[in-house]
Amino acid sequence: MAQKTPFDNTYYKRFYGKVGVHNAEKIAHLAQGIHSLCAWWGLPIRSGIAKNSHRTLFK
């Protein structure tokens, strides 16, 4: 069985560099898209919690 590589800070920096994958403008468009889809489906977003540099959790 292959060993899993954790998707941690070291992994992220190795494959995506120090500047990340998206700039602020692309992240804003993504956030707007998520917000719009949730509004369309009638799902309230109570909060968005930034978690690490590569993942965001929504409640």
Protein backbone atom coordinates (compact mmCIF):
# COMPACT_ATOMS: atom_id res chain seq x y z
CA MET A 1 0.00 0.00 0.00
CA ALA A 2 1.35 3.42 -0.96
CA GLN A 3 2.14 5.81 1.86
CA LYS A 4 0.03 8.96 1.88
CA THR A 5 1.78 12.31 1.78
CA PRO A 6 0.16 14.80 4.15
CA PHE A 7 -1.19 17.96 2.55
CA ASP A 8 0.57 20.20 5.01
CA ASN A 9 2.44 23.49 4.83
CA THR A 10 5.62 21.83 3.48
CA TYR A 11 3.71 20.06 0.72
CA TYR A 12 1.88 23.25 -0.24
CA LYS A 13 5.07 25.31 -0.47
CA ARG A 14 6.82 22.57 -2.44
CA PHE A 15 4.18 22.34 -5.15
CA TYR A 16 2.56 25.80 -5.11
CA GLY A 17 5.39 28.09 -4.02
CA LYS A 18 5.29 31.02 -1.65
CA VAL A 19 2.72 33.09 -3.54
CA GLY A 20 -0.01 30.45 -3.71
CA VAL A 21 -2.21 29.29 -6.53
CA HIS A 22 -4.60 32.23 -6.84
CA ASN A 23 -4.34 35.96 -6.35
CA ALA A 24 -6.75 38.07 -4.32
CA GLU A 25 -8.96 38.79 -7.35
CA LYS A 26 -9.45 35.10 -8.15
CA ILE A 27 -10.16 34.30 -4.50
CA ALA A 28 -12.79 37.07 -4.42
CA HIS A 29 -14.46 35.60 -7.52
CA LEU A 30 -14.45 32.13 -5.96
CA ALA A 31 -15.97 33.46 -2.73
CA GLN A 32 -18.67 35.30 -4.70
CA GLY A 33 -19.44 32.12 -6.64
CA ILE A 34 -19.81 30.07 -3.46
CA HIS A 35 -21.99 32.77 -1.92
CA SER A 36 -24.18 32.96 -5.03
CA LEU A 37 -24.66 29.18 -5.24
CA CYS A 38 -25.60 28.98 -1.58
CA ALA A 39 -28.07 31.83 -2.04
CA TRP A 40 -29.56 30.06 -5.10
CA TRP A 41 -29.98 26.83 -3.13
CA GLY A 42 -31.33 28.66 -0.07
CA LEU A 43 -28.41 27.60 2.12
CA PRO A 44 -27.33 30.23 4.65
CA ILE A 45 -23.62 30.73 5.27
CA ARG A 46 -23.22 31.66 8.89
CA SER A 47 -19.45 32.06 8.80
CA GLY A 48 -16.30 31.35 6.81
CA ILE A 49 -13.25 30.25 8.70
CA ALA A 50 -9.84 30.48 7.04
CA LYS A 51 -7.94 27.30 7.85
CA ASN A 52 -4.27 27.16 6.91
CA SER A 53 -3.17 28.63 3.61
CA HIS A 54 -4.96 26.13 1.38
CA ARG A 55 -8.36 25.41 2.82
CA THR A 56 -11.42 27.32 4.01
CA LEU A 57 -14.24 25.84 6.03
CA PHE A 58 -17.76 27.21 5.87
CA LYS A 59 -20.48 26.78 8.48
